Amino acid sequence: MTLEPQQIFQLVGLLAVLALFSFSLRDKISYGRWFKRWEADRKARRDAELAAEARERGEGDKTGPWG
C-alpha cells in the first residue's frame, strides 16, 4: 500500500492537531489545579484574618452548631 502526497499531508495535519489538542488540554488541567489551590489558599488566609479580628474584639473561638 502506498500513500499519496495528499494522504501524507492529511496524516501529518491530523497528528499536528492531535498534538496541539493534547498540549492545550494539559495546560487547561494544570490551570484548573493551580486555580483550586489558589482559591483554597485565599480562603485559608481570609479565615485566618477573620479569626484574628474576632480575637482582637474579644470574641472567643465559637465552635459547635450554635456558635
Protein backbone atom coordinates (compact mmCIF):
# COMPACT_ATOMS: atom_id res chain seq x y z
CA MET A 1 0.00 0.00 0.00
CA THR A 2 1.42 3.36 -0.98
CA LEU A 3 0.37 6.72 0.34
CA GLU A 4 -0.19 9.62 -1.98
CA PRO A 5 1.25 13.04 -1.05
CA GLN A 6 -2.22 14.35 -0.20
CA GLN A 7 -2.81 11.47 2.23
CA ILE A 8 0.57 12.03 3.86
CA PHE A 9 -0.23 15.72 4.25
CA GLN A 10 -3.61 14.88 5.81
CA LEU A 11 -1.97 12.43 8.22
CA VAL A 12 0.66 14.98 9.26
CA GLY A 13 -2.05 17.60 9.73
CA LEU A 14 -4.14 15.22 11.84
CA LEU A 15 -1.14 14.40 14.03
CA ALA A 16 -0.34 18.10 14.42
CA VAL A 17 -3.92 18.83 15.52
CA LEU A 18 -3.77 15.93 17.97
CA ALA A 19 -0.51 17.25 19.45
CA LEU A 20 -1.95 20.77 19.73
CA PHE A 21 -5.06 19.43 21.43
CA SER A 22 -3.05 17.37 23.92
CA PHE A 23 -0.85 20.36 24.89
CA SER A 24 -3.91 22.56 25.21
CA LEU A 25 -5.68 20.00 27.40
CA ARG A 26 -2.60 19.61 29.60
CA ASP A 27 -2.43 23.39 30.11
CA LYS A 28 -6.14 23.58 30.92
CA ILE A 29 -5.85 20.82 33.53
CA SER A 30 -2.77 22.47 35.01
CA TYR A 31 -4.56 25.83 35.23
CA GLY A 32 -7.54 24.18 36.93
CA ARG A 33 -5.31 22.62 39.56
CA TRP A 34 -3.49 25.93 40.14
CA PHE A 35 -6.76 27.83 40.48
CA LYS A 36 -8.21 25.37 43.00
CA ARG A 37 -5.02 25.59 45.08
CA TRP A 38 -5.08 29.40 44.87
CA GLU A 39 -8.74 29.53 45.96
CA ALA A 40 -8.05 27.21 48.91
CA ASP A 41 -5.09 29.36 49.99
CA ARG A 42 -7.14 32.53 49.64
CA LYS A 43 -9.96 31.06 51.74
CA ALA A 44 -7.49 29.91 54.40
CA ARG A 45 -5.95 33.41 54.57
CA ARG A 46 -9.40 35.01 54.81
CA ASP A 47 -10.50 32.61 57.56
CA ALA A 48 -7.30 33.36 59.48
CA GLU A 49 -7.90 37.10 59.12
CA LEU A 50 -11.47 36.76 60.39
CA ALA A 51 -10.31 34.66 63.34
CA ALA A 52 -7.63 37.22 64.20
CA GLU A 53 -10.17 40.05 64.05
CA ALA A 54 -12.53 38.09 66.29
CA ARG A 55 -9.74 37.56 68.84
CA GLU A 56 -8.94 41.29 68.78
CA ARG A 57 -12.58 42.11 69.50
CA GLY A 58 -12.52 39.71 72.45
CA GLU A 59 -14.85 37.16 70.93
CA GLY A 60 -13.85 33.64 71.85
CA ASP A 61 -13.48 30.79 69.44
CA LYS A 62 -17.00 29.83 68.62
CA THR A 63 -17.33 26.19 67.84
CA GLY A 64 -20.30 23.95 67.50
CA PRO A 65 -23.54 24.37 65.61
CA TRP A 66 -24.80 27.24 67.81
CA GLY A 67 -21.67 29.32 67.75
